[in-house]
């Protein structure tokens, strides 16, 4: 599977099918040019910097607080199989949202946890997580130290930091997170905006 970090909380997962998570391109000066054609878009919550999905002609999975064409609404605890991509919506803690959520995605034999915008109290233990995308920017999510604590709860095989350095108020050093997390025994991959990783 190829994982591409598209800045902020946005990732593309691709291997046969293409899954785009929390797209944010309009007005995002650090986002790489994106010409992908996703089969599925997953949106964690209604904020503009996570829900730039209207331009894509495909199924959009989102909480009912969002409104898109071709949208399928999910609630926390719901599970859906989308032609080989299994998606479970899980709870997040983000008081700025009307309905904050994350996803556990099972795709090509990997279990991927995207917690959306969340504070530490929204992190729960989920079994056998291969990849966890971890917000580190603070203010609207966990900061670096809280993100390390989140890894101790989830214990993923691989952590990839996200949701930092898009705006001045979420400036954070992903290498600081990597150093602190690796001291606790976790594997961390810091991805540049636009970088692709084979997992």
N, C-alpha and C. Protein backbone atom coordinates (compact mmCIF):
# COMPACT_ATOMS: atom_id res chain seq x y z
N UNK A 1 0.85 -1.19 0.00
CA UNK A 1 0.00 0.00 0.00
C UNK A 1 0.89 1.25 0.00
N UNK A 2 0.47 2.26 -0.76
CA UNK A 2 1.18 3.53 -0.79
C UNK A 2 0.40 4.55 0.05
N UNK A 3 1.09 5.18 0.99
CA UNK A 3 0.51 6.23 1.82
C UNK A 3 1.16 7.55 1.42
N UNK A 4 0.35 8.53 1.06
CA UNK A 4 0.86 9.86 0.71
C UNK A 4 0.32 10.87 1.70
N UNK A 5 1.23 11.69 2.26
CA UNK A 5 0.82 12.73 3.20
C UNK A 5 0.59 14.02 2.42
N UNK A 6 -0.63 14.51 2.46
CA UNK A 6 -1.02 15.68 1.66
C UNK A 6 -1.14 16.95 2.50
N UNK A 7 -0.46 16.95 3.64
CA UNK A 7 -0.41 18.06 4.62
C UNK A 7 -1.63 18.03 5.54
N UNK A 8 -1.51 18.76 6.63
CA UNK A 8 -2.56 18.90 7.63
C UNK A 8 -2.99 17.51 8.13
N UNK A 9 -4.26 17.14 7.99
CA UNK A 9 -4.71 15.81 8.42
C UNK A 9 -5.06 14.94 7.22
N UNK A 10 -4.58 15.30 6.05
CA UNK A 10 -5.00 14.66 4.80
C UNK A 10 -3.98 13.63 4.32
N UNK A 11 -4.50 12.43 4.05
CA UNK A 11 -3.69 11.33 3.53
C UNK A 11 -4.42 10.65 2.40
N UNK A 12 -3.63 10.10 1.48
CA UNK A 12 -4.17 9.21 0.47
C UNK A 12 -3.59 7.82 0.71
N UNK A 13 -4.49 6.82 0.71
CA UNK A 13 -4.10 5.41 0.78
C UNK A 13 -4.42 4.80 -0.57
N UNK A 14 -3.44 4.11 -1.17
CA UNK A 14 -3.69 3.60 -2.53
C UNK A 14 -3.07 2.23 -2.72
N UNK A 15 -3.87 1.31 -3.20
CA UNK A 15 -3.42 0.00 -3.66
C UNK A 15 -4.62 -0.68 -4.30
N UNK A 16 -4.77 -0.51 -5.58
CA UNK A 16 -6.00 -0.96 -6.25
C UNK A 16 -7.06 0.12 -6.09
N UNK A 17 -7.63 0.26 -4.92
CA UNK A 17 -8.54 1.37 -4.64
C UNK A 17 -7.75 2.55 -4.05
N UNK A 18 -8.35 3.73 -4.16
CA UNK A 18 -7.73 4.94 -3.60
C UNK A 18 -8.69 5.54 -2.57
N UNK A 19 -8.19 5.70 -1.36
CA UNK A 19 -8.95 6.29 -0.26
C UNK A 19 -8.30 7.61 0.11
N UNK A 20 -9.08 8.68 0.12
CA UNK A 20 -8.60 10.01 0.48
C UNK A 20 -9.24 10.40 1.81
N UNK A 21 -8.42 10.81 2.77
CA UNK A 21 -8.91 11.14 4.11
C UNK A 21 -8.73 12.64 4.36
N UNK A 22 -9.78 13.28 4.85
CA UNK A 22 -9.77 14.69 5.28
C UNK A 22 -9.08 15.62 4.28
N UNK A 23 -9.59 15.68 3.04
CA UNK A 23 -8.96 16.55 2.04
C UNK A 23 -9.02 18.01 2.44
N UNK A 24 -7.92 18.72 2.18
CA UNK A 24 -7.85 20.16 2.44
C UNK A 24 -6.86 20.76 1.44
N UNK A 25 -7.42 21.28 0.34
CA UNK A 25 -6.60 21.86 -0.72
C UNK A 25 -6.92 23.33 -0.97
N UNK A 26 -8.20 23.70 -0.92
CA UNK A 26 -8.60 25.08 -1.20
C UNK A 26 -8.09 26.00 -0.10
N UNK A 27 -7.25 26.96 -0.48
CA UNK A 27 -6.70 27.90 0.49
C UNK A 27 -5.57 27.35 1.35
N UNK A 28 -5.14 26.14 1.05
CA UNK A 28 -4.05 25.53 1.82
C UNK A 28 -2.74 25.74 1.07
N UNK A 29 -1.94 26.67 1.54
CA UNK A 29 -0.73 27.07 0.81
C UNK A 29 0.39 26.04 0.90
N UNK A 30 0.31 25.09 1.82
CA UNK A 30 1.38 24.11 1.95
C UNK A 30 1.02 22.76 1.31
N UNK A 31 -0.23 22.62 0.85
CA UNK A 31 -0.65 21.35 0.26
C UNK A 31 0.01 21.14 -1.10
N UNK A 32 0.45 19.92 -1.40
CA UNK A 32 0.96 19.64 -2.74
C UNK A 32 -0.18 19.61 -3.74
N UNK A 33 0.16 19.74 -5.01
CA UNK A 33 -0.86 19.62 -6.06
C UNK A 33 -1.38 18.19 -6.05
N UNK A 34 -2.70 18.06 -6.05
CA UNK A 34 -3.30 16.72 -5.98
C UNK A 34 -4.13 16.46 -7.22
N UNK A 35 -3.77 15.41 -7.93
CA UNK A 35 -4.50 15.03 -9.14
C UNK A 35 -5.04 13.61 -9.05
N UNK A 36 -5.13 13.09 -7.81
CA UNK A 36 -5.64 11.74 -7.62
C UNK A 36 -7.13 11.65 -7.91
N UNK A 37 -7.58 10.46 -8.15
CA UNK A 37 -9.01 10.20 -8.39
C UNK A 37 -9.47 9.18 -7.36
N UNK A 38 -9.85 9.64 -6.17
CA UNK A 38 -10.21 8.70 -5.12
C UNK A 38 -11.49 7.94 -5.43
N UNK A 39 -11.54 6.70 -4.94
CA UNK A 39 -12.76 5.90 -5.00
C UNK A 39 -13.66 6.23 -3.82
N UNK A 40 -13.04 6.60 -2.70
CA UNK A 40 -13.75 6.90 -1.46
C UNK A 40 -13.06 8.08 -0.79
N UNK A 41 -13.86 9.01 -0.27
CA UNK A 41 -13.33 10.09 0.57
C UNK A 41 -13.91 9.92 1.97
N UNK A 42 -13.04 9.95 2.97
CA UNK A 42 -13.46 9.89 4.37
C UNK A 42 -13.25 11.26 5.00
N UNK A 43 -14.29 11.79 5.63
CA UNK A 43 -14.23 13.10 6.30
C UNK A 43 -14.51 12.88 7.78
N UNK A 44 -13.64 13.39 8.64
CA UNK A 44 -13.80 13.14 10.08
C UNK A 44 -14.78 14.10 10.75
N UNK A 45 -14.85 15.34 10.25
CA UNK A 45 -15.80 16.31 10.82
C UNK A 45 -15.98 17.46 9.85
N UNK A 46 -16.85 18.40 10.21
CA UNK A 46 -17.37 19.36 9.25
C UNK A 46 -16.47 20.56 8.98
N UNK A 47 -15.39 20.74 9.68
CA UNK A 47 -14.56 21.94 9.51
C UNK A 47 -13.91 21.98 8.12
N UNK A 48 -13.80 23.19 7.57
CA UNK A 48 -13.37 23.36 6.18
C UNK A 48 -11.99 22.76 5.92
N UNK A 49 -11.14 22.73 6.94
CA UNK A 49 -9.78 22.24 6.75
C UNK A 49 -9.69 20.71 6.84
N UNK A 50 -10.85 20.05 6.85
CA UNK A 50 -10.91 18.59 6.82
C UNK A 50 -11.94 18.08 5.82
N UNK A 51 -12.72 18.97 5.25
CA UNK A 51 -13.92 18.56 4.52
C UNK A 51 -14.00 19.18 3.12
N UNK A 52 -12.86 19.24 2.45
CA UNK A 52 -12.79 19.83 1.11
C UNK A 52 -13.08 18.75 0.07
N UNK A 53 -14.27 18.17 0.17
CA UNK A 53 -14.57 16.95 -0.59
C UNK A 53 -15.51 17.15 -1.76
N UNK A 54 -16.06 18.33 -1.93
CA UNK A 54 -17.11 18.53 -2.94
C UNK A 54 -16.62 18.34 -4.37
N UNK A 55 -15.34 18.53 -4.61
CA UNK A 55 -14.80 18.46 -5.96
C UNK A 55 -14.61 17.03 -6.47
N UNK A 56 -14.75 16.05 -5.59
CA UNK A 56 -14.47 14.67 -5.98
C UNK A 56 -15.76 13.93 -6.31
N UNK A 57 -15.76 13.26 -7.46
CA UNK A 57 -16.94 12.55 -7.93
C UNK A 57 -16.88 11.09 -7.47
N UNK A 58 -17.09 10.91 -6.17
CA UNK A 58 -17.03 9.57 -5.61
C UNK A 58 -17.84 9.56 -4.31
N UNK A 59 -17.97 8.40 -3.71
CA UNK A 59 -18.66 8.28 -2.44
C UNK A 59 -17.88 9.01 -1.35
N UNK A 60 -18.59 9.81 -0.55
CA UNK A 60 -18.00 10.49 0.59
C UNK A 60 -18.63 9.92 1.86
N UNK A 61 -17.79 9.47 2.78
CA UNK A 61 -18.25 8.98 4.08
C UNK A 61 -17.98 10.08 5.09
N UNK A 62 -19.00 10.44 5.87
CA UNK A 62 -18.84 11.56 6.80
C UNK A 62 -19.93 11.50 7.87
N UNK A 63 -19.74 12.20 8.99
CA UNK A 63 -20.83 12.34 9.96
C UNK A 63 -21.99 13.13 9.35
N UNK A 64 -23.16 13.02 9.94
CA UNK A 64 -24.36 13.66 9.40
C UNK A 64 -24.30 15.18 9.48
N UNK A 65 -23.36 15.74 10.22
CA UNK A 65 -23.18 17.19 10.28
C UNK A 65 -22.58 17.75 9.00
N UNK A 66 -22.10 16.86 8.12
CA UNK A 66 -21.56 17.28 6.81
C UNK A 66 -22.63 17.06 5.74
N UNK A 67 -22.52 17.80 4.65
CA UNK A 67 -23.44 17.66 3.53
C UNK A 67 -22.65 17.64 2.23
N UNK A 68 -22.65 16.50 1.56
CA UNK A 68 -21.98 16.36 0.27
C UNK A 68 -22.88 15.57 -0.67
N UNK A 69 -22.67 15.76 -1.97
CA UNK A 69 -23.28 14.87 -2.94
C UNK A 69 -22.66 13.48 -2.78
N UNK A 70 -23.45 12.46 -3.03
CA UNK A 70 -22.99 11.07 -2.95
C UNK A 70 -22.41 10.75 -1.57
N UNK A 71 -22.99 11.36 -0.54
CA UNK A 71 -22.51 11.13 0.82
C UNK A 71 -23.27 9.99 1.49
N UNK A 72 -22.53 9.17 2.21
CA UNK A 72 -23.10 8.17 3.10
C UNK A 72 -22.77 8.60 4.52
N UNK A 73 -23.79 8.78 5.32
CA UNK A 73 -23.59 9.23 6.70
C UNK A 73 -23.28 8.05 7.61
N UNK A 74 -22.29 8.24 8.47
CA UNK A 74 -21.98 7.24 9.49
C UNK A 74 -22.03 7.88 10.86
N UNK A 75 -22.24 7.07 11.88
CA UNK A 75 -22.18 7.52 13.26
C UNK A 75 -21.13 6.72 14.01
N UNK A 76 -20.71 7.21 15.15
CA UNK A 76 -19.70 6.52 15.96
C UNK A 76 -20.19 5.11 16.27
N UNK A 77 -19.33 4.15 16.00
CA UNK A 77 -19.67 2.74 16.21
C UNK A 77 -20.15 2.03 14.97
N UNK A 78 -20.52 2.78 13.94
CA UNK A 78 -20.97 2.17 12.69
C UNK A 78 -19.79 1.57 11.93
N UNK A 79 -20.08 0.48 11.22
CA UNK A 79 -19.09 -0.19 10.38
C UNK A 79 -19.65 -0.30 8.97
N UNK A 80 -18.77 -0.13 7.99
CA UNK A 80 -19.21 -0.21 6.61
C UNK A 80 -18.13 -0.88 5.77
N UNK A 81 -18.56 -1.77 4.88
CA UNK A 81 -17.62 -2.38 3.94
C UNK A 81 -17.83 -1.75 2.57
N UNK A 82 -16.78 -1.16 2.05
CA UNK A 82 -16.87 -0.43 0.79
C UNK A 82 -16.01 -1.13 -0.25
N UNK A 83 -16.45 -2.32 -0.65
CA UNK A 83 -15.75 -3.04 -1.71
C UNK A 83 -14.32 -3.37 -1.37
N UNK A 84 -14.11 -3.96 -0.21
CA UNK A 84 -12.75 -4.33 0.20
C UNK A 84 -12.09 -3.35 1.12
N UNK A 85 -12.73 -2.22 1.36
CA UNK A 85 -12.23 -1.25 2.34
C UNK A 85 -13.23 -1.23 3.49
N UNK A 86 -12.82 -1.73 4.65
CA UNK A 86 -13.70 -1.75 5.82
C UNK A 86 -13.42 -0.53 6.68
N UNK A 87 -14.49 0.18 7.03
CA UNK A 87 -14.37 1.44 7.77
C UNK A 87 -15.22 1.38 9.03
N UNK A 88 -14.62 1.73 10.16
CA UNK A 88 -15.35 1.87 11.42
C UNK A 88 -15.18 3.32 11.88
N UNK A 89 -16.30 3.98 12.20
CA UNK A 89 -16.21 5.34 12.74
C UNK A 89 -16.06 5.26 14.26
N UNK A 90 -15.06 5.98 14.78
CA UNK A 90 -14.80 5.98 16.22
C UNK A 90 -14.89 7.41 16.75
N UNK A 91 -15.05 7.51 18.05
CA UNK A 91 -15.26 8.80 18.69
C UNK A 91 -13.94 9.57 18.82
N UNK A 92 -14.02 10.88 18.65
CA UNK A 92 -12.91 11.79 18.91
C UNK A 92 -13.35 12.81 19.95
N UNK A 93 -12.39 13.55 20.49
CA UNK A 93 -12.68 14.61 21.46
C UNK A 93 -12.18 15.93 20.90
N UNK A 94 -13.11 16.71 20.37
CA UNK A 94 -12.75 17.98 19.70
C UNK A 94 -13.95 18.89 19.88
N UNK A 95 -13.96 19.65 20.97
CA UNK A 95 -15.16 20.40 21.35
C UNK A 95 -15.55 21.47 20.33
N UNK A 96 -14.62 21.80 19.43
CA UNK A 96 -14.93 22.81 18.41
C UNK A 96 -15.83 22.26 17.30
N UNK A 97 -16.03 20.95 17.29
CA UNK A 97 -16.85 20.32 16.25
C UNK A 97 -18.20 19.89 16.81
N UNK A 98 -19.21 19.90 15.94
CA UNK A 98 -20.54 19.42 16.35
C UNK A 98 -20.55 17.90 16.50
N UNK A 99 -19.68 17.21 15.77
CA UNK A 99 -19.65 15.75 15.83
C UNK A 99 -18.25 15.30 15.40
N UNK A 100 -17.36 15.18 16.37
CA UNK A 100 -15.97 14.83 16.07
C UNK A 100 -15.80 13.32 16.01
N UNK A 101 -15.14 12.86 14.98
CA UNK A 101 -14.98 11.42 14.79
C UNK A 101 -13.61 11.12 14.21
N UNK A 102 -13.28 9.84 14.23
CA UNK A 102 -12.10 9.32 13.55
C UNK A 102 -12.50 8.03 12.85
N UNK A 103 -11.53 7.37 12.25
CA UNK A 103 -11.82 6.12 11.53
C UNK A 103 -10.75 5.08 11.79
N UNK A 104 -11.18 3.85 11.86
CA UNK A 104 -10.27 2.72 11.73
C UNK A 104 -10.58 2.08 10.38
N UNK A 105 -9.56 2.04 9.54
CA UNK A 105 -9.71 1.58 8.16
C UNK A 105 -8.92 0.29 8.01
N UNK A 106 -9.58 -0.76 7.56
CA UNK A 106 -8.89 -2.00 7.25
C UNK A 106 -8.83 -2.12 5.74
N UNK A 107 -7.61 -2.13 5.21
CA UNK A 107 -7.40 -1.98 3.77
C UNK A 107 -6.13 -2.73 3.41
N UNK A 108 -6.24 -3.66 2.49
CA UNK A 108 -5.07 -4.43 2.03
C UNK A 108 -4.33 -5.07 3.21
N UNK A 109 -5.10 -5.58 4.18
CA UNK A 109 -4.51 -6.29 5.31
C UNK A 109 -3.93 -5.41 6.40
N UNK A 110 -4.03 -4.10 6.27
CA UNK A 110 -3.51 -3.17 7.28
C UNK A 110 -4.67 -2.53 8.03
N UNK A 111 -4.46 -2.31 9.33
CA UNK A 111 -5.42 -1.55 10.14
C UNK A 111 -4.84 -0.17 10.44
N UNK A 112 -5.53 0.84 9.96
CA UNK A 112 -5.05 2.22 10.01
C UNK A 112 -6.01 3.04 10.86
N UNK A 113 -5.46 3.77 11.82
CA UNK A 113 -6.27 4.59 12.73
C UNK A 113 -6.00 6.07 12.44
N UNK A 114 -7.03 6.74 11.95
CA UNK A 114 -6.98 8.19 11.76
C UNK A 114 -7.93 8.78 12.79
N UNK A 115 -7.42 9.39 13.87
CA UNK A 115 -8.30 9.84 14.95
C UNK A 115 -8.99 11.17 14.70
N UNK A 116 -8.76 11.79 13.52
CA UNK A 116 -9.33 13.10 13.29
C UNK A 116 -8.70 14.13 14.21
N UNK A 117 -9.38 15.26 14.38
CA UNK A 117 -8.93 16.25 15.36
C UNK A 117 -9.35 15.75 16.74
N UNK A 118 -8.39 15.50 17.59
CA UNK A 118 -8.76 14.99 18.91
C UNK A 118 -7.77 15.41 19.98
N UNK A 119 -8.31 15.59 21.17
CA UNK A 119 -7.49 15.74 22.36
C UNK A 119 -7.23 14.35 22.93
N UNK A 120 -6.36 14.29 23.92
CA UNK A 120 -5.93 12.99 24.44
C UNK A 120 -7.08 12.16 25.01
N UNK A 121 -8.09 12.83 25.58
CA UNK A 121 -9.19 12.07 26.18
C UNK A 121 -10.07 11.38 25.12
N UNK A 122 -9.84 11.67 23.86
CA UNK A 122 -10.57 10.99 22.79
C UNK A 122 -9.87 9.74 22.27
N UNK A 123 -8.67 9.48 22.79
CA UNK A 123 -7.91 8.32 22.32
C UNK A 123 -8.28 7.10 23.16
N UNK A 124 -8.61 6.02 22.47
CA UNK A 124 -8.93 4.76 23.14
C UNK A 124 -8.03 3.66 22.59
N UNK A 125 -7.94 2.58 23.32
CA UNK A 125 -7.14 1.43 22.90
C UNK A 125 -7.90 0.65 21.84
N UNK A 126 -7.33 0.53 20.67
CA UNK A 126 -7.86 -0.32 19.62
C UNK A 126 -6.80 -1.35 19.28
N UNK A 127 -7.23 -2.57 19.07
CA UNK A 127 -6.27 -3.67 18.90
C UNK A 127 -5.63 -3.67 17.51
N UNK A 128 -4.37 -4.09 17.49
CA UNK A 128 -3.66 -4.42 16.24
C UNK A 128 -3.67 -3.29 15.23
N UNK A 129 -3.33 -2.09 15.67
CA UNK A 129 -3.24 -0.95 14.75
C UNK A 129 -1.85 -0.94 14.11
N UNK A 130 -1.83 -1.07 12.79
CA UNK A 130 -0.56 -1.07 12.06
C UNK A 130 -0.01 0.34 11.90
N UNK A 131 -0.89 1.28 11.56
CA UNK A 131 -0.46 2.67 11.33
C UNK A 131 -1.42 3.60 12.06
N UNK A 132 -0.87 4.54 12.82
CA UNK A 132 -1.69 5.56 13.46
C UNK A 132 -1.19 6.93 12.99
N UNK A 133 -2.10 7.72 12.45
CA UNK A 133 -1.81 9.12 12.14
C UNK A 133 -2.10 9.92 13.41
N UNK A 134 -1.12 10.70 13.87
CA UNK A 134 -1.21 11.30 15.21
C UNK A 134 -1.14 12.82 15.13
N UNK A 135 -2.21 13.54 15.51
CA UNK A 135 -2.12 15.00 15.55
C UNK A 135 -1.19 15.47 16.65
N UNK A 136 -0.31 16.43 16.33
CA UNK A 136 0.69 16.89 17.31
C UNK A 136 0.71 18.41 17.48
N UNK A 137 -0.13 19.14 16.76
CA UNK A 137 0.01 20.59 16.68
C UNK A 137 -0.46 21.39 17.88
N UNK A 138 -1.20 20.76 18.82
CA UNK A 138 -1.70 21.50 19.97
C UNK A 138 -2.85 22.43 19.57
N UNK A 139 -3.33 23.19 20.52
CA UNK A 139 -4.46 24.12 20.37
C UNK A 139 -5.78 23.42 20.07
N UNK A 140 -5.90 22.83 18.89
CA UNK A 140 -7.16 22.18 18.51
C UNK A 140 -7.08 20.66 18.67
N UNK A 141 -5.90 20.17 18.99
CA UNK A 141 -5.65 18.73 19.11
C UNK A 141 -4.62 18.51 20.22
N UNK A 142 -4.16 17.30 20.33
CA UNK A 142 -3.04 16.99 21.22
C UNK A 142 -1.79 17.76 20.80
N UNK A 143 -0.93 18.02 21.78
CA UNK A 143 0.40 18.55 21.46
C UNK A 143 1.39 17.38 21.40
N UNK A 144 2.66 17.69 21.24
CA UNK A 144 3.68 16.64 21.06
C UNK A 144 3.69 15.66 22.23
N UNK A 145 3.73 16.18 23.46
CA UNK A 145 3.83 15.29 24.62
C UNK A 145 2.56 14.45 24.79
N UNK A 146 1.42 15.05 24.54
CA UNK A 146 0.16 14.30 24.64
C UNK A 146 0.09 13.23 23.55
N UNK A 147 0.62 13.55 22.38
CA UNK A 147 0.63 12.57 21.29
C UNK A 147 1.47 11.35 21.64
N UNK A 148 2.56 11.55 22.36
CA UNK A 148 3.36 10.41 22.83
C UNK A 148 2.54 9.57 23.80
N UNK A 149 1.79 10.23 24.68
CA UNK A 149 0.92 9.49 25.60
C UNK A 149 -0.14 8.71 24.84
N UNK A 150 -0.63 9.27 23.74
CA UNK A 150 -1.61 8.56 22.91
C UNK A 150 -1.03 7.27 22.35
N UNK A 151 0.24 7.30 21.98
CA UNK A 151 0.88 6.08 21.46
C UNK A 151 0.93 5.00 22.53
N UNK A 152 1.13 5.41 23.78
CA UNK A 152 1.17 4.42 24.87
C UNK A 152 -0.18 3.74 25.05
N UNK A 153 -1.25 4.44 24.70
CA UNK A 153 -2.60 3.85 24.79
C UNK A 153 -2.85 2.90 23.62
N UNK A 154 -2.56 3.36 22.41
CA UNK A 154 -2.92 2.60 21.20
C UNK A 154 -1.86 1.54 20.86
N UNK A 155 -0.60 1.87 21.06
CA UNK A 155 0.53 1.01 20.75
C UNK A 155 0.54 0.54 19.28
N UNK A 156 0.54 1.50 18.35
CA UNK A 156 0.57 1.13 16.93
C UNK A 156 1.95 0.63 16.52
N UNK A 157 1.99 -0.13 15.44
CA UNK A 157 3.28 -0.58 14.89
C UNK A 157 4.07 0.59 14.31
N UNK A 158 3.35 1.57 13.74
CA UNK A 158 3.99 2.74 13.14
C UNK A 158 3.14 3.97 13.41
N UNK A 159 3.78 5.06 13.81
CA UNK A 159 3.09 6.33 14.01
C UNK A 159 3.58 7.35 12.99
N UNK A 160 2.66 8.13 12.44
CA UNK A 160 3.00 9.20 11.49
C UNK A 160 2.35 10.48 12.01
N UNK A 161 3.15 11.50 12.36
CA UNK A 161 2.57 12.74 12.89
C UNK A 161 1.82 13.52 11.81
N UNK A 162 0.78 14.25 12.24
CA UNK A 162 -0.03 15.06 11.32
C UNK A 162 -0.57 16.28 12.07
N UNK A 163 -1.29 17.10 11.35
CA UNK A 163 -1.98 18.28 11.91
C UNK A 163 -1.00 19.21 12.63
N UNK A 164 0.00 19.66 11.87
CA UNK A 164 0.97 20.61 12.40
C UNK A 164 1.51 21.46 11.24
N UNK A 165 1.92 22.69 11.57
CA UNK A 165 2.61 23.60 10.64
C UNK A 165 1.80 24.00 9.42
N UNK A 166 0.47 23.84 9.48
CA UNK A 166 -0.38 24.38 8.42
C UNK A 166 -0.74 25.82 8.71
N UNK A 167 -0.96 26.12 10.00
CA UNK A 167 -1.29 27.45 10.48
C UNK A 167 -0.31 27.82 11.60
N UNK A 168 -0.09 29.13 11.84
CA UNK A 168 0.83 29.53 12.92
C UNK A 168 0.46 28.96 14.28
N UNK A 169 -0.84 28.82 14.54
CA UNK A 169 -1.25 28.37 15.88
C UNK A 169 -1.08 26.87 16.10
N UNK A 170 -0.69 26.13 15.08
CA UNK A 170 -0.42 24.70 15.29
C UNK A 170 1.01 24.35 14.86
N UNK A 171 1.92 25.28 15.11
CA UNK A 171 3.33 25.00 14.83
C UNK A 171 3.85 23.96 15.82
N UNK A 172 4.53 22.97 15.31
CA UNK A 172 5.12 21.92 16.14
C UNK A 172 6.27 21.29 15.37
N UNK A 173 7.16 20.66 16.10
CA UNK A 173 8.33 20.03 15.50
C UNK A 173 8.12 18.52 15.45
N UNK A 174 7.87 17.96 14.28
CA UNK A 174 7.64 16.52 14.20
C UNK A 174 8.86 15.70 14.61
N UNK A 175 10.06 16.27 14.44
CA UNK A 175 11.27 15.55 14.85
C UNK A 175 11.35 15.45 16.37
N UNK A 176 10.82 16.46 17.07
CA UNK A 176 10.74 16.40 18.53
C UNK A 176 9.81 15.26 18.95
N UNK A 177 8.67 15.17 18.27
CA UNK A 177 7.75 14.05 18.53
C UNK A 177 8.43 12.72 18.26
N UNK A 178 9.12 12.62 17.15
CA UNK A 178 9.80 11.37 16.79
C UNK A 178 10.81 10.97 17.86
N UNK A 179 11.62 11.92 18.31
CA UNK A 179 12.64 11.64 19.32
C UNK A 179 12.01 11.14 20.61
N UNK A 180 10.98 11.85 21.06
CA UNK A 180 10.33 11.48 22.33
C UNK A 180 9.61 10.13 22.21
N UNK A 181 8.96 9.90 21.08
CA UNK A 181 8.24 8.65 20.89
C UNK A 181 9.20 7.46 20.77
N UNK A 182 10.31 7.66 20.08
CA UNK A 182 11.27 6.57 19.92
C UNK A 182 11.93 6.22 21.25
N UNK A 183 12.09 7.20 22.12
CA UNK A 183 12.61 6.92 23.46
C UNK A 183 11.69 5.99 24.24
N UNK A 184 10.39 6.03 23.88
CA UNK A 184 9.40 5.17 24.54
C UNK A 184 9.22 3.85 23.79
N UNK A 185 10.03 3.64 22.74
CA UNK A 185 10.02 2.36 22.04
C UNK A 185 9.12 2.30 20.82
N UNK A 186 8.61 3.45 20.36
CA UNK A 186 7.71 3.45 19.20
C UNK A 186 8.46 3.76 17.91
N UNK A 187 7.95 3.22 16.81
CA UNK A 187 8.50 3.53 15.49
C UNK A 187 7.72 4.69 14.90
N UNK A 188 8.43 5.71 14.45
CA UNK A 188 7.81 6.91 13.91
C UNK A 188 8.40 7.22 12.54
N UNK A 189 7.54 7.59 11.61
CA UNK A 189 7.98 8.05 10.29
C UNK A 189 7.46 9.47 10.12
N UNK A 190 8.38 10.44 10.00
CA UNK A 190 7.99 11.82 9.72
C UNK A 190 7.95 11.98 8.21
N UNK A 191 6.78 12.36 7.69
CA UNK A 191 6.62 12.49 6.25
C UNK A 191 6.55 13.96 5.85
N UNK A 192 7.26 14.32 4.82
CA UNK A 192 7.14 15.66 4.24
C UNK A 192 5.79 15.78 3.54
N UNK A 193 5.31 17.01 3.40
CA UNK A 193 4.06 17.23 2.67
C UNK A 193 4.28 16.78 1.21
N UNK A 194 3.46 15.86 0.76
CA UNK A 194 3.59 15.33 -0.60
C UNK A 194 4.39 14.04 -0.68
N UNK A 195 5.02 13.65 0.41
CA UNK A 195 5.86 12.43 0.39
C UNK A 195 4.98 11.18 0.37
N UNK A 196 5.51 10.15 -0.31
CA UNK A 196 4.81 8.87 -0.40
C UNK A 196 5.65 7.80 0.31
N UNK A 197 4.95 6.93 1.03
CA UNK A 197 5.59 5.87 1.79
C UNK A 197 4.96 4.54 1.41
N UNK A 198 5.78 3.53 1.16
CA UNK A 198 5.29 2.19 0.88
C UNK A 198 5.23 1.42 2.19
N UNK A 199 4.06 0.88 2.53
CA UNK A 199 3.93 0.16 3.82
C UNK A 199 3.39 -1.25 3.58
